[in-house]
Amino acid sequence: MSIISRLPLLNASLNSLSVLFLLSGYVAIRRRRATLHQRCMLSACATSVAFLMSYLTYHYYTGSTPFTGQGVVRWLYFAILLSHTVLAVVIVPLVFLTLRRAWRADWVRHRRLARWTFPLWLYVSVTGVIIYLMLYQLYPSSSHVGGS
């Protein structure tokens, strides 16, 4: 098995880590543990950047992977994929602006934007894992059977 063929599992793992860091950061700030919140959110950013690099590398070498599920699950998959893809594009500048406001200690504007950024980022990370499970584990194409 090549390194490239293992990237979808790495991508799902990085998305899962992002979910854990995001949730931990949320809990930390609710408990007024700002330093822990900062570390969790920066870790979520780092894992998301690593994910994006790995995702782009994988698709550069392999192109797209067909979804083989049929019936209602096919509609569900594409609904999740569409919302995930649109929000994945939207979340990048939102994360950047939210981090920028924190960096500048603009807490009122940071908090106001983070109320949108957090749930959207969480959704994108969770649906990334769901897409991996549907595409590579539950309904793998013949080229991925027995693979990642």
N, C-alpha and C. Protein backbone atom coordinates (compact mmCIF):
# COMPACT_ATOMS: atom_id res chain seq x y z
N MET A 1 0.84 -1.18 0.00
CA MET A 1 0.00 0.00 0.00
C MET A 1 0.89 1.25 0.00
N SER A 2 0.64 2.16 -0.93
CA SER A 2 1.47 3.35 -1.05
C SER A 2 1.11 4.38 0.02
N ILE A 3 2.02 5.31 0.19
CA ILE A 3 1.77 6.39 1.15
C ILE A 3 0.55 7.20 0.72
N ILE A 4 0.42 7.46 -0.57
CA ILE A 4 -0.71 8.25 -1.08
C ILE A 4 -2.04 7.57 -0.74
N SER A 5 -2.09 6.25 -0.85
CA SER A 5 -3.36 5.55 -0.58
C SER A 5 -3.74 5.58 0.90
N ARG A 6 -2.80 5.94 1.75
CA ARG A 6 -3.08 6.04 3.19
C ARG A 6 -3.54 7.44 3.62
N LEU A 7 -3.47 8.38 2.71
CA LEU A 7 -3.81 9.76 3.06
C LEU A 7 -5.27 9.96 3.45
N PRO A 8 -6.25 9.27 2.84
CA PRO A 8 -7.62 9.47 3.31
C PRO A 8 -7.80 9.14 4.80
N LEU A 9 -7.16 8.09 5.27
CA LEU A 9 -7.22 7.76 6.70
C LEU A 9 -6.54 8.85 7.53
N LEU A 10 -5.40 9.33 7.06
CA LEU A 10 -4.72 10.42 7.75
C LEU A 10 -5.62 11.65 7.79
N ASN A 11 -6.28 11.96 6.67
CA ASN A 11 -7.17 13.12 6.60
C ASN A 11 -8.31 13.00 7.61
N ALA A 12 -8.92 11.82 7.68
CA ALA A 12 -10.01 11.61 8.64
C ALA A 12 -9.49 11.72 10.07
N SER A 13 -8.29 11.23 10.30
CA SER A 13 -7.69 11.31 11.64
C SER A 13 -7.42 12.77 12.01
N LEU A 14 -6.91 13.54 11.07
CA LEU A 14 -6.66 14.96 11.33
C LEU A 14 -7.96 15.72 11.57
N ASN A 15 -9.01 15.40 10.81
CA ASN A 15 -10.31 16.01 11.07
C ASN A 15 -10.84 15.63 12.45
N SER A 16 -10.65 14.38 12.83
CA SER A 16 -11.08 13.94 14.16
C SER A 16 -10.32 14.68 15.25
N LEU A 17 -9.04 14.86 15.06
CA LEU A 17 -8.25 15.64 16.03
C LEU A 17 -8.75 17.08 16.10
N SER A 18 -9.06 17.65 14.95
CA SER A 18 -9.60 19.01 14.95
C SER A 18 -10.88 19.09 15.77
N VAL A 19 -11.75 18.10 15.60
CA VAL A 19 -12.99 18.06 16.38
C VAL A 19 -12.67 18.05 17.87
N LEU A 20 -11.75 17.19 18.28
CA LEU A 20 -11.38 17.10 19.70
C LEU A 20 -10.80 18.41 20.22
N PHE A 21 -9.92 19.03 19.44
CA PHE A 21 -9.34 20.31 19.85
C PHE A 21 -10.40 21.41 19.91
N LEU A 22 -11.30 21.44 18.93
CA LEU A 22 -12.36 22.45 18.93
C LEU A 22 -13.26 22.31 20.15
N LEU A 23 -13.69 21.09 20.43
CA LEU A 23 -14.56 20.86 21.59
C LEU A 23 -13.83 21.16 22.89
N SER A 24 -12.57 20.76 22.98
CA SER A 24 -11.78 21.05 24.19
C SER A 24 -11.59 22.55 24.37
N GLY A 25 -11.35 23.25 23.27
CA GLY A 25 -11.20 24.71 23.33
C GLY A 25 -12.48 25.40 23.76
N TYR A 26 -13.59 24.89 23.28
CA TYR A 26 -14.89 25.44 23.67
C TYR A 26 -15.12 25.25 25.17
N VAL A 27 -14.88 24.04 25.64
CA VAL A 27 -15.06 23.76 27.08
C VAL A 27 -14.11 24.63 27.90
N ALA A 28 -12.88 24.77 27.43
CA ALA A 28 -11.89 25.56 28.16
C ALA A 28 -12.34 27.02 28.31
N ILE A 29 -12.83 27.61 27.23
CA ILE A 29 -13.23 29.02 27.32
C ILE A 29 -14.49 29.18 28.17
N ARG A 30 -15.38 28.21 28.12
CA ARG A 30 -16.57 28.26 28.97
C ARG A 30 -16.18 28.20 30.45
N ARG A 31 -15.07 27.52 30.74
CA ARG A 31 -14.57 27.43 32.12
C ARG A 31 -13.57 28.55 32.43
N ARG A 32 -13.47 29.51 31.52
CA ARG A 32 -12.59 30.67 31.68
C ARG A 32 -11.12 30.30 31.79
N ARG A 33 -10.73 29.27 31.07
CA ARG A 33 -9.33 28.85 31.00
C ARG A 33 -8.77 29.28 29.65
N ALA A 34 -8.47 30.58 29.57
CA ALA A 34 -8.10 31.21 28.30
C ALA A 34 -6.84 30.63 27.68
N THR A 35 -5.84 30.34 28.48
CA THR A 35 -4.59 29.80 27.94
C THR A 35 -4.82 28.42 27.33
N LEU A 36 -5.58 27.58 28.01
CA LEU A 36 -5.89 26.26 27.46
C LEU A 36 -6.73 26.41 26.19
N HIS A 37 -7.69 27.34 26.21
CA HIS A 37 -8.50 27.61 25.03
C HIS A 37 -7.61 28.00 23.84
N GLN A 38 -6.68 28.89 24.08
CA GLN A 38 -5.77 29.34 23.02
C GLN A 38 -4.97 28.17 22.47
N ARG A 39 -4.45 27.34 23.33
CA ARG A 39 -3.66 26.19 22.88
C ARG A 39 -4.50 25.21 22.08
N CYS A 40 -5.71 24.96 22.52
CA CYS A 40 -6.61 24.05 21.80
C CYS A 40 -6.96 24.59 20.43
N MET A 41 -7.27 25.88 20.36
CA MET A 41 -7.68 26.45 19.08
C MET A 41 -6.51 26.54 18.11
N LEU A 42 -5.32 26.84 18.61
CA LEU A 42 -4.15 26.83 17.73
C LEU A 42 -3.83 25.41 17.27
N SER A 43 -4.06 24.43 18.13
CA SER A 43 -3.87 23.03 17.73
C SER A 43 -4.91 22.62 16.69
N ALA A 44 -6.13 23.09 16.83
CA ALA A 44 -7.16 22.83 15.82
C ALA A 44 -6.75 23.44 14.48
N CYS A 45 -6.19 24.63 14.53
CA CYS A 45 -5.70 25.28 13.30
C CYS A 45 -4.57 24.47 12.67
N ALA A 46 -3.64 24.04 13.48
CA ALA A 46 -2.50 23.27 12.96
C ALA A 46 -2.96 21.97 12.33
N THR A 47 -3.88 21.26 12.99
CA THR A 47 -4.35 20.00 12.42
C THR A 47 -5.17 20.26 11.16
N SER A 48 -5.89 21.36 11.10
CA SER A 48 -6.66 21.69 9.90
C SER A 48 -5.74 22.06 8.73
N VAL A 49 -4.66 22.77 9.01
CA VAL A 49 -3.69 23.09 7.96
C VAL A 49 -3.02 21.80 7.47
N ALA A 50 -2.64 20.93 8.40
CA ALA A 50 -2.04 19.64 8.00
C ALA A 50 -3.03 18.83 7.17
N PHE A 51 -4.31 18.84 7.57
CA PHE A 51 -5.34 18.17 6.80
C PHE A 51 -5.39 18.72 5.38
N LEU A 52 -5.45 20.04 5.25
CA LEU A 52 -5.57 20.65 3.93
C LEU A 52 -4.39 20.29 3.04
N MET A 53 -3.19 20.28 3.59
CA MET A 53 -2.01 19.91 2.82
C MET A 53 -2.11 18.45 2.36
N SER A 54 -2.51 17.58 3.27
CA SER A 54 -2.64 16.16 2.95
C SER A 54 -3.76 15.92 1.94
N TYR A 55 -4.88 16.61 2.13
CA TYR A 55 -6.03 16.48 1.22
C TYR A 55 -5.65 16.90 -0.20
N LEU A 56 -4.99 18.05 -0.32
CA LEU A 56 -4.59 18.54 -1.64
C LEU A 56 -3.56 17.62 -2.28
N THR A 57 -2.64 17.09 -1.50
CA THR A 57 -1.66 16.13 -2.01
C THR A 57 -2.35 14.89 -2.55
N TYR A 58 -3.27 14.34 -1.76
CA TYR A 58 -3.98 13.13 -2.18
C TYR A 58 -4.72 13.36 -3.50
N HIS A 59 -5.47 14.44 -3.58
CA HIS A 59 -6.27 14.68 -4.78
C HIS A 59 -5.43 15.12 -5.97
N TYR A 60 -4.26 15.66 -5.74
CA TYR A 60 -3.34 15.97 -6.83
C TYR A 60 -2.91 14.67 -7.52
N TYR A 61 -2.62 13.66 -6.73
CA TYR A 61 -2.14 12.39 -7.29
C TYR A 61 -3.25 11.43 -7.72
N THR A 62 -4.43 11.53 -7.14
CA THR A 62 -5.47 10.53 -7.43
C THR A 62 -6.70 11.08 -8.13
N GLY A 63 -6.91 12.37 -8.10
CA GLY A 63 -8.15 12.91 -8.66
C GLY A 63 -9.29 12.65 -7.69
N SER A 64 -10.50 12.55 -8.23
CA SER A 64 -11.66 12.33 -7.36
C SER A 64 -11.94 10.84 -7.22
N THR A 65 -12.61 10.49 -6.15
CA THR A 65 -12.99 9.11 -5.87
C THR A 65 -14.49 8.99 -6.04
N PRO A 66 -14.95 8.07 -6.88
CA PRO A 66 -16.41 7.95 -7.08
C PRO A 66 -17.11 7.35 -5.86
N PHE A 67 -18.30 7.86 -5.59
CA PHE A 67 -19.12 7.29 -4.52
C PHE A 67 -19.97 6.18 -5.12
N THR A 68 -19.92 4.99 -4.53
CA THR A 68 -20.58 3.82 -5.11
C THR A 68 -21.93 3.49 -4.47
N GLY A 69 -22.27 4.18 -3.39
CA GLY A 69 -23.56 3.92 -2.75
C GLY A 69 -24.71 4.29 -3.67
N GLN A 70 -25.83 3.59 -3.49
CA GLN A 70 -27.00 3.81 -4.34
C GLN A 70 -28.23 4.13 -3.48
N GLY A 71 -29.25 4.66 -4.13
CA GLY A 71 -30.51 4.94 -3.44
C GLY A 71 -30.43 6.17 -2.56
N VAL A 72 -31.13 6.11 -1.44
CA VAL A 72 -31.22 7.24 -0.51
C VAL A 72 -29.85 7.64 0.03
N VAL A 73 -29.00 6.66 0.27
CA VAL A 73 -27.68 6.97 0.84
C VAL A 73 -26.85 7.81 -0.14
N ARG A 74 -27.08 7.64 -1.42
CA ARG A 74 -26.37 8.45 -2.42
C ARG A 74 -26.79 9.91 -2.30
N TRP A 75 -28.09 10.16 -2.16
CA TRP A 75 -28.59 11.52 -1.97
C TRP A 75 -28.04 12.12 -0.67
N LEU A 76 -28.04 11.32 0.38
CA LEU A 76 -27.52 11.77 1.67
C LEU A 76 -26.04 12.14 1.55
N TYR A 77 -25.26 11.27 0.92
CA TYR A 77 -23.83 11.51 0.74
C TYR A 77 -23.60 12.84 0.02
N PHE A 78 -24.29 13.05 -1.11
CA PHE A 78 -24.06 14.27 -1.88
C PHE A 78 -24.58 15.51 -1.17
N ALA A 79 -25.62 15.39 -0.36
CA ALA A 79 -26.08 16.53 0.45
C ALA A 79 -25.03 16.90 1.49
N ILE A 80 -24.47 15.89 2.14
CA ILE A 80 -23.40 16.14 3.12
C ILE A 80 -22.18 16.72 2.42
N LEU A 81 -21.81 16.12 1.29
CA LEU A 81 -20.63 16.58 0.55
C LEU A 81 -20.78 18.03 0.09
N LEU A 82 -21.95 18.37 -0.43
CA LEU A 82 -22.17 19.74 -0.91
C LEU A 82 -22.08 20.75 0.23
N SER A 83 -22.78 20.48 1.33
CA SER A 83 -22.73 21.42 2.46
C SER A 83 -21.32 21.49 3.03
N HIS A 84 -20.65 20.36 3.12
CA HIS A 84 -19.27 20.31 3.62
C HIS A 84 -18.35 21.15 2.74
N THR A 85 -18.46 20.98 1.43
CA THR A 85 -17.57 21.67 0.50
C THR A 85 -17.78 23.18 0.53
N VAL A 86 -19.02 23.60 0.51
CA VAL A 86 -19.31 25.04 0.55
C VAL A 86 -18.80 25.64 1.86
N LEU A 87 -19.10 24.99 2.96
CA LEU A 87 -18.68 25.54 4.26
C LEU A 87 -17.17 25.43 4.47
N ALA A 88 -16.52 24.45 3.85
CA ALA A 88 -15.06 24.33 3.94
C ALA A 88 -14.38 25.54 3.29
N VAL A 89 -14.98 26.06 2.24
CA VAL A 89 -14.46 27.27 1.59
C VAL A 89 -14.73 28.49 2.47
N VAL A 90 -15.91 28.57 3.03
CA VAL A 90 -16.31 29.70 3.87
C VAL A 90 -15.50 29.76 5.16
N ILE A 91 -15.19 28.61 5.71
CA ILE A 91 -14.57 28.59 7.05
C ILE A 91 -13.14 29.12 7.06
N VAL A 92 -12.43 29.00 5.96
CA VAL A 92 -11.02 29.43 5.94
C VAL A 92 -10.89 30.92 6.30
N PRO A 93 -11.56 31.83 5.61
CA PRO A 93 -11.42 33.24 6.03
C PRO A 93 -12.02 33.51 7.41
N LEU A 94 -13.08 32.78 7.78
CA LEU A 94 -13.66 32.98 9.12
C LEU A 94 -12.65 32.63 10.22
N VAL A 95 -11.96 31.50 10.05
CA VAL A 95 -10.95 31.10 11.04
C VAL A 95 -9.83 32.14 11.09
N PHE A 96 -9.39 32.56 9.91
CA PHE A 96 -8.32 33.57 9.85
C PHE A 96 -8.73 34.84 10.58
N LEU A 97 -9.93 35.36 10.30
CA LEU A 97 -10.39 36.60 10.94
C LEU A 97 -10.59 36.42 12.45
N THR A 98 -11.11 35.26 12.84
CA THR A 98 -11.31 35.00 14.27
C THR A 98 -9.97 34.96 15.00
N LEU A 99 -8.98 34.30 14.41
CA LEU A 99 -7.64 34.26 15.00
C LEU A 99 -7.00 35.65 15.03
N ARG A 100 -7.19 36.39 13.97
CA ARG A 100 -6.63 37.75 13.90
C ARG A 100 -7.18 38.63 15.02
N ARG A 101 -8.47 38.52 15.25
CA ARG A 101 -9.08 39.31 16.32
C ARG A 101 -8.57 38.89 17.69
N ALA A 102 -8.34 37.61 17.87
CA ALA A 102 -7.77 37.14 19.13
C ALA A 102 -6.33 37.64 19.27
N TRP A 103 -5.57 37.56 18.20
CA TRP A 103 -4.17 38.01 18.21
C TRP A 103 -4.08 39.49 18.61
N ARG A 104 -5.05 40.26 18.16
CA ARG A 104 -5.08 41.69 18.46
C ARG A 104 -5.80 42.01 19.77
N ALA A 105 -6.22 40.98 20.47
CA ALA A 105 -6.95 41.11 21.74
C ALA A 105 -8.23 41.94 21.58
N ASP A 106 -8.85 41.80 20.44
CA ASP A 106 -10.13 42.45 20.16
C ASP A 106 -11.22 41.46 20.57
N TRP A 107 -11.39 41.32 21.89
CA TRP A 107 -12.20 40.23 22.43
C TRP A 107 -13.68 40.32 22.10
N VAL A 108 -14.21 41.53 22.04
CA VAL A 108 -15.63 41.67 21.73
C VAL A 108 -15.90 41.18 20.31
N ARG A 109 -15.12 41.64 19.35
CA ARG A 109 -15.31 41.23 17.95
C ARG A 109 -14.89 39.76 17.75
N HIS A 110 -13.87 39.32 18.48
CA HIS A 110 -13.45 37.92 18.41
C HIS A 110 -14.60 37.01 18.84
N ARG A 111 -15.17 37.31 19.98
CA ARG A 111 -16.26 36.49 20.52
C ARG A 111 -17.47 36.50 19.58
N ARG A 112 -17.79 37.66 19.03
CA ARG A 112 -18.93 37.78 18.12
C ARG A 112 -18.74 36.91 16.87
N LEU A 113 -17.54 36.90 16.32
CA LEU A 113 -17.27 36.09 15.12
C LEU A 113 -17.10 34.62 15.47
N ALA A 114 -16.50 34.34 16.61
CA ALA A 114 -16.28 32.95 17.03
C ALA A 114 -17.60 32.20 17.22
N ARG A 115 -18.65 32.92 17.55
CA ARG A 115 -19.97 32.28 17.70
C ARG A 115 -20.46 31.69 16.38
N TRP A 116 -19.97 32.20 15.26
CA TRP A 116 -20.28 31.64 13.94
C TRP A 116 -19.19 30.66 13.50
N THR A 117 -17.96 31.04 13.74
CA THR A 117 -16.82 30.24 13.27
C THR A 117 -16.82 28.86 13.92
N PHE A 118 -16.98 28.80 15.23
CA PHE A 118 -16.90 27.52 15.95
C PHE A 118 -17.87 26.47 15.42
N PRO A 119 -19.18 26.73 15.34
CA PRO A 119 -20.07 25.66 14.88
C PRO A 119 -19.84 25.28 13.42
N LEU A 120 -19.51 26.26 12.59
CA LEU A 120 -19.26 25.94 11.18
C LEU A 120 -18.00 25.10 11.02
N TRP A 121 -16.95 25.46 11.75
CA TRP A 121 -15.69 24.71 11.70
C TRP A 121 -15.91 23.30 12.24
N LEU A 122 -16.65 23.19 13.31
CA LEU A 122 -16.97 21.88 13.88
C LEU A 122 -17.75 21.04 12.86
N TYR A 123 -18.73 21.64 12.21
CA TYR A 123 -19.52 20.93 11.20
C TYR A 123 -18.63 20.43 10.06
N VAL A 124 -17.75 21.29 9.57
CA VAL A 124 -16.86 20.91 8.47
C VAL A 124 -15.95 19.75 8.90
N SER A 125 -15.43 19.80 10.09
CA SER A 125 -14.54 18.73 10.57
C SER A 125 -15.29 17.41 10.76
N VAL A 126 -16.46 17.47 11.38
CA VAL A 126 -17.25 16.26 11.60
C VAL A 126 -17.71 15.66 10.28
N THR A 127 -18.21 16.49 9.38
CA THR A 127 -18.68 15.96 8.10
C THR A 127 -17.51 15.43 7.26
N GLY A 128 -16.32 15.96 7.46
CA GLY A 128 -15.14 15.41 6.79
C GLY A 128 -14.92 13.95 7.18
N VAL A 129 -15.10 13.65 8.45
CA VAL A 129 -14.96 12.27 8.92
C VAL A 129 -16.10 11.40 8.36
N ILE A 130 -17.30 11.94 8.36
CA ILE A 130 -18.45 11.19 7.83
C ILE A 130 -18.25 10.87 6.35
N ILE A 131 -17.76 11.84 5.59
CA ILE A 131 -17.50 11.63 4.17
C ILE A 131 -16.45 10.53 3.99
N TYR A 132 -15.39 10.58 4.78
CA TYR A 132 -14.37 9.52 4.71
C TYR A 132 -15.01 8.14 4.97
N LEU A 133 -15.79 8.04 6.03
CA LEU A 133 -16.41 6.75 6.37
C LEU A 133 -17.31 6.26 5.24
N MET A 134 -18.11 7.15 4.69
CA MET A 134 -19.02 6.75 3.62
C MET A 134 -18.26 6.37 2.35
N LEU A 135 -17.25 7.15 2.01
CA LEU A 135 -16.55 6.99 0.74
C LEU A 135 -15.54 5.84 0.75
N TYR A 136 -14.85 5.65 1.87
CA TYR A 136 -13.75 4.68 1.90
C TYR A 136 -14.03 3.44 2.74
N GLN A 137 -14.99 3.50 3.64
CA GLN A 137 -15.25 2.36 4.50
C GLN A 137 -16.58 1.68 4.21
N LEU A 138 -17.66 2.45 4.14
CA LEU A 138 -18.98 1.87 3.94
C LEU A 138 -19.28 1.53 2.49
N TYR A 139 -18.83 2.39 1.57
CA TYR A 139 -19.11 2.20 0.14
C TYR A 139 -17.85 2.42 -0.68
N PRO A 140 -16.81 1.64 -0.45
CA PRO A 140 -15.55 1.87 -1.17
C PRO A 140 -15.67 1.50 -2.65
N SER A 141 -14.97 2.25 -3.49
CA SER A 141 -14.91 1.87 -4.91
C SER A 141 -13.99 0.67 -5.03
N SER A 142 -14.04 -0.02 -6.14
CA SER A 142 -13.23 -1.24 -6.31
C SER A 142 -11.75 -0.96 -6.16
N SER A 143 -11.31 0.25 -6.46
CA SER A 143 -9.88 0.56 -6.33
C SER A 143 -9.47 0.78 -4.88
N HIS A 144 -10.45 0.89 -3.95
CA HIS A 144 -10.12 1.12 -2.55
C HIS A 144 -10.51 -0.04 -1.65
N VAL A 145 -11.07 -1.11 -2.20
CA VAL A 145 -11.44 -2.26 -1.38
C VAL A 145 -10.19 -2.88 -0.80
N GLY A 146 -10.21 -3.08 0.50
CA GLY A 146 -9.05 -3.64 1.18
C GLY A 146 -7.98 -2.60 1.45
N GLY A 147 -8.22 -1.37 0.97
CA GLY A 147 -7.26 -0.29 1.17
C GLY A 147 -7.53 0.45 2.45
N SER A 148 -7.33 1.77 2.40
CA SER A 148 -7.49 2.59 3.61
C SER A 148 -8.86 2.45 4.09
